[in-house]
Each structure stands twice: as C-alpha cells, then as structure tokens.
N, C-alpha and C. Protein backbone atom coordinates (compact mmCIF):
# COMPACT_ATOMS: atom_id res chain seq x y z
N UNK A 1 0.83 -1.19 0.00
CA UNK A 1 0.00 0.00 0.00
C UNK A 1 0.87 1.26 0.00
N UNK A 2 1.98 1.18 0.71
CA UNK A 2 2.86 2.35 0.77
C UNK A 2 3.34 2.73 -0.63
N UNK A 3 3.72 1.72 -1.42
CA UNK A 3 4.21 1.98 -2.79
C UNK A 3 3.09 2.52 -3.68
N UNK A 4 1.91 1.94 -3.56
CA UNK A 4 0.77 2.41 -4.35
C UNK A 4 0.45 3.86 -4.00
N UNK A 5 0.39 4.14 -2.73
CA UNK A 5 0.02 5.49 -2.29
C UNK A 5 1.10 6.52 -2.62
N UNK A 6 2.33 6.09 -2.77
CA UNK A 6 3.38 7.05 -3.14
C UNK A 6 3.19 7.55 -4.57
N UNK A 7 2.49 6.76 -5.41
CA UNK A 7 2.21 7.16 -6.79
C UNK A 7 0.80 7.72 -6.96
N UNK A 8 0.02 7.73 -5.90
CA UNK A 8 -1.38 8.17 -5.96
C UNK A 8 -1.48 9.66 -6.25
N UNK A 9 -2.42 10.01 -7.13
CA UNK A 9 -2.73 11.42 -7.35
C UNK A 9 -4.25 11.55 -7.39
N UNK A 10 -4.76 12.74 -7.23
CA UNK A 10 -6.20 12.94 -7.13
C UNK A 10 -6.96 12.58 -8.41
N UNK A 11 -6.29 12.45 -9.54
CA UNK A 11 -6.98 12.07 -10.77
C UNK A 11 -6.86 10.57 -11.07
N UNK A 12 -6.34 9.81 -10.13
CA UNK A 12 -6.14 8.37 -10.32
C UNK A 12 -7.45 7.61 -10.12
N UNK A 13 -7.54 6.45 -10.73
CA UNK A 13 -8.62 5.51 -10.48
C UNK A 13 -7.97 4.30 -9.83
N UNK A 14 -8.37 3.99 -8.60
CA UNK A 14 -7.79 2.89 -7.85
C UNK A 14 -8.68 1.66 -7.96
N UNK A 15 -8.07 0.52 -8.21
CA UNK A 15 -8.78 -0.74 -8.33
C UNK A 15 -8.29 -1.69 -7.24
N UNK A 16 -9.19 -2.13 -6.39
CA UNK A 16 -8.87 -3.06 -5.31
C UNK A 16 -9.64 -4.35 -5.56
N UNK A 17 -8.94 -5.48 -5.61
CA UNK A 17 -9.59 -6.77 -5.82
C UNK A 17 -9.27 -7.68 -4.64
N UNK A 18 -10.23 -7.80 -3.74
CA UNK A 18 -10.07 -8.62 -2.54
C UNK A 18 -8.85 -8.20 -1.72
N UNK A 19 -8.54 -6.93 -1.74
CA UNK A 19 -7.42 -6.42 -0.94
C UNK A 19 -7.71 -6.64 0.54
N UNK A 20 -6.70 -6.96 1.28
CA UNK A 20 -6.73 -7.16 2.73
C UNK A 20 -7.48 -8.43 3.13
N UNK A 21 -7.77 -9.31 2.19
CA UNK A 21 -8.46 -10.56 2.49
C UNK A 21 -7.48 -11.63 2.97
N UNK A 22 -6.19 -11.36 2.91
CA UNK A 22 -5.19 -12.35 3.31
C UNK A 22 -5.07 -12.44 4.83
N UNK A 23 -5.73 -11.56 5.54
CA UNK A 23 -5.73 -11.60 7.00
C UNK A 23 -7.13 -12.00 7.45
N UNK A 24 -7.37 -12.10 8.75
CA UNK A 24 -8.73 -12.45 9.17
C UNK A 24 -9.67 -11.28 8.87
N UNK A 25 -10.97 -11.57 8.81
CA UNK A 25 -11.92 -10.55 8.35
C UNK A 25 -11.96 -9.33 9.26
N UNK A 26 -11.87 -9.53 10.55
CA UNK A 26 -11.93 -8.39 11.47
C UNK A 26 -10.78 -7.42 11.24
N UNK A 27 -9.57 -7.95 11.14
CA UNK A 27 -8.40 -7.10 10.92
C UNK A 27 -8.39 -6.52 9.51
N UNK A 28 -8.73 -7.34 8.50
CA UNK A 28 -8.78 -6.86 7.12
C UNK A 28 -9.81 -5.76 6.96
N UNK A 29 -10.95 -5.91 7.63
CA UNK A 29 -12.00 -4.89 7.58
C UNK A 29 -11.51 -3.58 8.17
N UNK A 30 -10.84 -3.65 9.28
CA UNK A 30 -10.37 -2.42 9.92
C UNK A 30 -9.30 -1.72 9.08
N UNK A 31 -8.38 -2.49 8.54
CA UNK A 31 -7.34 -1.89 7.69
C UNK A 31 -7.97 -1.26 6.45
N UNK A 32 -8.85 -2.01 5.79
CA UNK A 32 -9.51 -1.51 4.58
C UNK A 32 -10.37 -0.28 4.90
N UNK A 33 -11.09 -0.31 6.01
CA UNK A 33 -11.95 0.82 6.38
C UNK A 33 -11.15 2.10 6.55
N UNK A 34 -10.01 1.99 7.20
CA UNK A 34 -9.19 3.19 7.42
C UNK A 34 -8.62 3.72 6.10
N UNK A 35 -8.12 2.82 5.27
CA UNK A 35 -7.52 3.25 4.00
C UNK A 35 -8.58 3.81 3.06
N UNK A 36 -9.67 3.07 2.87
CA UNK A 36 -10.71 3.52 1.95
C UNK A 36 -11.40 4.78 2.48
N UNK A 37 -11.65 4.85 3.77
CA UNK A 37 -12.26 6.05 4.34
C UNK A 37 -11.40 7.28 4.09
N UNK A 38 -10.12 7.13 4.25
CA UNK A 38 -9.19 8.23 4.01
C UNK A 38 -9.19 8.64 2.54
N UNK A 39 -9.19 7.63 1.66
CA UNK A 39 -9.22 7.93 0.22
C UNK A 39 -10.53 8.60 -0.17
N UNK A 40 -11.64 8.15 0.40
CA UNK A 40 -12.93 8.79 0.10
C UNK A 40 -12.95 10.23 0.58
N UNK A 41 -12.37 10.47 1.73
CA UNK A 41 -12.30 11.85 2.25
C UNK A 41 -11.48 12.74 1.32
N UNK A 42 -10.56 12.11 0.59
CA UNK A 42 -9.73 12.84 -0.37
C UNK A 42 -10.39 12.86 -1.76
N UNK A 43 -11.62 12.38 -1.84
CA UNK A 43 -12.42 12.34 -3.07
C UNK A 43 -11.81 11.44 -4.14
N UNK A 44 -11.16 10.36 -3.71
CA UNK A 44 -10.57 9.41 -4.64
C UNK A 44 -11.67 8.64 -5.37
N UNK A 45 -11.34 8.22 -6.58
CA UNK A 45 -12.24 7.36 -7.36
C UNK A 45 -11.68 5.95 -7.28
N UNK A 46 -12.54 4.99 -6.93
CA UNK A 46 -12.05 3.62 -6.79
C UNK A 46 -13.16 2.60 -6.97
N UNK A 47 -12.74 1.39 -7.30
CA UNK A 47 -13.59 0.20 -7.27
C UNK A 47 -12.96 -0.73 -6.25
N UNK A 48 -13.77 -1.31 -5.40
CA UNK A 48 -13.27 -2.20 -4.37
C UNK A 48 -14.11 -3.47 -4.40
N UNK A 49 -13.54 -4.58 -4.88
CA UNK A 49 -14.22 -5.86 -4.92
C UNK A 49 -13.89 -6.58 -3.62
N UNK A 50 -14.92 -7.03 -2.91
CA UNK A 50 -14.68 -7.68 -1.63
C UNK A 50 -15.81 -8.64 -1.26
N UNK A 51 -15.47 -9.62 -0.46
CA UNK A 51 -16.46 -10.49 0.19
C UNK A 51 -16.52 -10.16 1.69
N UNK A 52 -15.81 -9.14 2.12
CA UNK A 52 -15.81 -8.77 3.54
C UNK A 52 -17.08 -7.97 3.84
N UNK A 53 -18.08 -8.67 4.34
CA UNK A 53 -19.39 -8.06 4.57
C UNK A 53 -19.32 -6.90 5.56
N UNK A 54 -18.65 -7.09 6.67
CA UNK A 54 -18.60 -6.04 7.69
C UNK A 54 -17.98 -4.75 7.14
N UNK A 55 -16.98 -4.90 6.31
CA UNK A 55 -16.34 -3.74 5.68
C UNK A 55 -17.34 -3.00 4.78
N UNK A 56 -17.94 -3.73 3.84
CA UNK A 56 -18.87 -3.10 2.90
C UNK A 56 -20.09 -2.55 3.61
N UNK A 57 -20.66 -3.34 4.53
CA UNK A 57 -21.86 -2.91 5.21
C UNK A 57 -21.62 -1.70 6.10
N UNK A 58 -20.41 -1.57 6.62
CA UNK A 58 -20.09 -0.37 7.42
C UNK A 58 -20.26 0.90 6.62
N UNK A 59 -19.83 0.88 5.37
CA UNK A 59 -20.01 2.06 4.52
C UNK A 59 -21.48 2.23 4.13
N UNK A 60 -22.20 1.12 3.96
CA UNK A 60 -23.63 1.21 3.64
C UNK A 60 -24.39 1.84 4.80
N UNK A 61 -24.06 1.45 6.01
CA UNK A 61 -24.74 2.00 7.18
C UNK A 61 -24.47 3.48 7.37
N UNK A 62 -23.29 3.93 6.94
CA UNK A 62 -22.98 5.36 7.03
C UNK A 62 -23.83 6.17 6.07
N UNK A 63 -24.32 5.53 5.01
CA UNK A 63 -25.15 6.23 4.04
C UNK A 63 -24.41 7.31 3.27
N UNK A 64 -23.16 7.05 2.97
CA UNK A 64 -22.36 8.03 2.24
C UNK A 64 -22.88 8.21 0.82
N UNK A 65 -23.12 9.43 0.41
CA UNK A 65 -23.61 9.66 -0.96
C UNK A 65 -22.53 9.43 -2.02
N UNK A 66 -21.27 9.33 -1.61
CA UNK A 66 -20.18 9.12 -2.56
C UNK A 66 -19.79 7.65 -2.71
N UNK A 67 -20.63 6.74 -2.18
CA UNK A 67 -20.34 5.31 -2.26
C UNK A 67 -21.55 4.60 -2.86
N UNK A 68 -21.30 3.75 -3.86
CA UNK A 68 -22.35 2.93 -4.46
C UNK A 68 -21.94 1.47 -4.32
N UNK A 69 -22.91 0.60 -4.20
CA UNK A 69 -22.66 -0.83 -4.04
C UNK A 69 -23.23 -1.58 -5.23
N UNK A 70 -22.40 -2.41 -5.83
CA UNK A 70 -22.81 -3.25 -6.95
C UNK A 70 -22.62 -4.70 -6.55
N UNK A 71 -23.51 -5.54 -7.01
CA UNK A 71 -23.32 -6.97 -6.78
C UNK A 71 -23.91 -7.74 -7.95
N UNK A 72 -23.49 -8.99 -8.07
CA UNK A 72 -23.99 -9.84 -9.14
C UNK A 72 -25.47 -10.12 -8.90
N UNK A 73 -26.25 -9.94 -9.94
CA UNK A 73 -27.69 -10.18 -9.82
C UNK A 73 -27.96 -11.65 -9.55
N UNK A 74 -28.83 -11.90 -8.61
CA UNK A 74 -29.29 -13.25 -8.29
C UNK A 74 -30.80 -13.20 -8.29
N UNK A 75 -31.40 -13.96 -9.21
CA UNK A 75 -32.86 -13.95 -9.34
C UNK A 75 -33.52 -14.70 -8.18
N UNK A 76 -34.82 -14.54 -8.04
CA UNK A 76 -35.55 -15.18 -6.94
C UNK A 76 -35.41 -16.70 -6.94
N UNK A 77 -35.26 -17.29 -8.13
CA UNK A 77 -35.11 -18.75 -8.22
C UNK A 77 -33.67 -19.20 -8.04
N UNK A 78 -32.76 -18.26 -7.75
CA UNK A 78 -31.36 -18.60 -7.50
C UNK A 78 -30.46 -18.52 -8.71
N UNK A 79 -31.03 -18.38 -9.90
CA UNK A 79 -30.19 -18.28 -11.09
C UNK A 79 -29.55 -16.91 -11.16
N UNK A 80 -28.49 -16.85 -11.92
CA UNK A 80 -27.73 -15.60 -12.03
C UNK A 80 -27.72 -15.12 -13.47
N UNK A 81 -27.78 -13.81 -13.63
CA UNK A 81 -27.77 -13.22 -14.97
C UNK A 81 -26.37 -12.77 -15.38
N UNK A 82 -25.45 -12.71 -14.43
CA UNK A 82 -24.10 -12.20 -14.64
C UNK A 82 -24.11 -10.71 -14.93
N UNK A 83 -25.18 -10.02 -14.54
CA UNK A 83 -25.25 -8.57 -14.62
C UNK A 83 -24.96 -8.00 -13.24
N UNK A 84 -24.38 -6.83 -13.22
CA UNK A 84 -24.20 -6.12 -11.96
C UNK A 84 -25.39 -5.22 -11.73
N UNK A 85 -25.86 -5.22 -10.48
CA UNK A 85 -26.97 -4.35 -10.12
C UNK A 85 -26.55 -3.52 -8.91
N UNK A 86 -27.14 -2.35 -8.77
CA UNK A 86 -26.87 -1.54 -7.58
C UNK A 86 -27.73 -2.06 -6.46
N UNK A 87 -27.10 -2.49 -5.38
CA UNK A 87 -27.82 -3.08 -4.25
C UNK A 87 -26.93 -3.09 -3.02
N UNK A 88 -27.55 -3.08 -1.86
CA UNK A 88 -26.81 -3.11 -0.60
C UNK A 88 -26.02 -4.41 -0.47
N UNK A 89 -24.94 -4.40 0.34
CA UNK A 89 -24.16 -5.62 0.55
C UNK A 89 -25.01 -6.70 1.22
N UNK A 90 -24.69 -7.96 0.91
CA UNK A 90 -25.34 -9.10 1.54
C UNK A 90 -24.33 -9.83 2.41
N UNK A 91 -24.84 -10.46 3.46
CA UNK A 91 -23.97 -11.22 4.36
C UNK A 91 -23.44 -12.49 3.68
N UNK A 92 -24.11 -12.98 2.66
CA UNK A 92 -23.72 -14.23 2.00
C UNK A 92 -23.30 -13.98 0.55
N UNK A 93 -22.44 -14.85 0.06
CA UNK A 93 -22.11 -14.83 -1.37
C UNK A 93 -22.72 -16.05 -2.06
N UNK A 94 -23.57 -16.78 -1.34
CA UNK A 94 -24.28 -17.94 -1.86
C UNK A 94 -23.34 -19.06 -2.27
N UNK A 95 -22.25 -19.21 -1.55
CA UNK A 95 -21.31 -20.30 -1.82
C UNK A 95 -21.93 -21.67 -1.63
N UNK A 96 -22.91 -21.77 -0.71
CA UNK A 96 -23.58 -23.06 -0.48
C UNK A 96 -24.31 -23.51 -1.74
N UNK A 97 -24.87 -22.57 -2.51
CA UNK A 97 -25.53 -22.91 -3.77
C UNK A 97 -24.56 -23.62 -4.71
N UNK A 98 -23.37 -23.07 -4.85
CA UNK A 98 -22.36 -23.65 -5.74
C UNK A 98 -21.92 -25.02 -5.23
N UNK A 99 -21.75 -25.14 -3.91
CA UNK A 99 -21.35 -26.43 -3.33
C UNK A 99 -22.38 -27.50 -3.67
N UNK A 100 -23.66 -27.19 -3.46
CA UNK A 100 -24.71 -28.18 -3.74
C UNK A 100 -24.76 -28.52 -5.22
N UNK A 101 -24.58 -27.52 -6.08
CA UNK A 101 -24.61 -27.74 -7.53
C UNK A 101 -23.49 -28.67 -7.97
N UNK A 102 -22.33 -28.55 -7.36
CA UNK A 102 -21.17 -29.31 -7.78
C UNK A 102 -21.09 -30.68 -7.10
N UNK A 103 -21.36 -30.72 -5.79
CA UNK A 103 -21.07 -31.94 -5.03
C UNK A 103 -22.28 -32.78 -4.63
N UNK A 104 -23.47 -32.21 -4.57
CA UNK A 104 -24.63 -32.99 -4.15
C UNK A 104 -25.23 -33.71 -5.36
N UNK A 105 -25.44 -35.02 -5.24
CA UNK A 105 -26.06 -35.73 -6.36
C UNK A 105 -27.50 -35.29 -6.54
N UNK A 106 -28.02 -35.42 -7.75
CA UNK A 106 -29.39 -35.02 -8.04
C UNK A 106 -30.35 -35.77 -7.12
N UNK A 107 -31.19 -35.00 -6.42
CA UNK A 107 -32.20 -35.59 -5.56
C UNK A 107 -31.68 -36.11 -4.24
N UNK A 108 -30.41 -35.93 -3.94
CA UNK A 108 -29.87 -36.45 -2.69
C UNK A 108 -28.92 -35.48 -2.05
N UNK A 109 -28.25 -35.95 -1.04
CA UNK A 109 -27.26 -35.11 -0.38
C UNK A 109 -26.11 -36.00 0.07
N UNK A 110 -24.96 -35.38 0.27
CA UNK A 110 -23.78 -36.07 0.77
C UNK A 110 -23.40 -35.48 2.10
N UNK A 111 -22.80 -36.30 2.92
CA UNK A 111 -22.27 -35.80 4.18
C UNK A 111 -20.75 -35.78 4.08
N UNK A 112 -20.16 -34.74 4.60
CA UNK A 112 -18.71 -34.66 4.64
C UNK A 112 -18.19 -35.44 5.82
N UNK A 113 -17.10 -36.15 5.62
CA UNK A 113 -16.47 -36.90 6.70
C UNK A 113 -15.17 -36.19 7.04
N UNK A 114 -14.96 -35.98 8.29
CA UNK A 114 -13.71 -35.30 8.61
C UNK A 114 -13.71 -34.71 9.88
C-alpha cells in the first residue's frame, strides 16, 4: 500500500480486488476501512471488490452519498444473470448454492467426513 500510495494522485482511479483478504476478516475490515475512508475523504475514485461483509456494510450503514454498491444479480429462483446491479451488501455470497450444484447428487445429499 505504501508503494501504491506514493504514486497516488487525485486524478487516479484505484482498483482493489479482494485487498486485505489475506488476514482475518476483522483485521482486514479495519485496515480496509481506514484506508478507503481516508481515500474517500480525499475524493478518490475507486472500485473495491470484496467479500468482507462487515467492511462493505459499514459504509452502507454510514449512508455516504459518494459510495455505491454493486453486486452480481441473483434472481428469486437462485439463477444468475451475470449482470451487476446496484444493491446493498449481503452477508452471504451464496457459496452453499455452488457447493450443492457441484457436489450434491441429483435428488440427494452427501455428508462430509472429517
């Protein structure tokens, strides 16, 4: 981050893809919140892709007019359109859906041993 920020200018577009996810969610959320909050205060333009719900939801709860949330559309029947829609963060990424689709046999279920 130090190297990135040394090249940062107010006309830059910053792209974050699962940044700070290499640590536990509580610590990653706090680090990301401080960095992104500071950048937003400086009117930075950025995209931040994350599965850290507490991080994203914290900004949603603040109701900042300079923050928008996009997520992959998931229809009521569970299918996906692969379109991005503007919507509040969700606590789940529906990983269980993918697990069942890949590992559960049709009409049945498997138990994990371990």
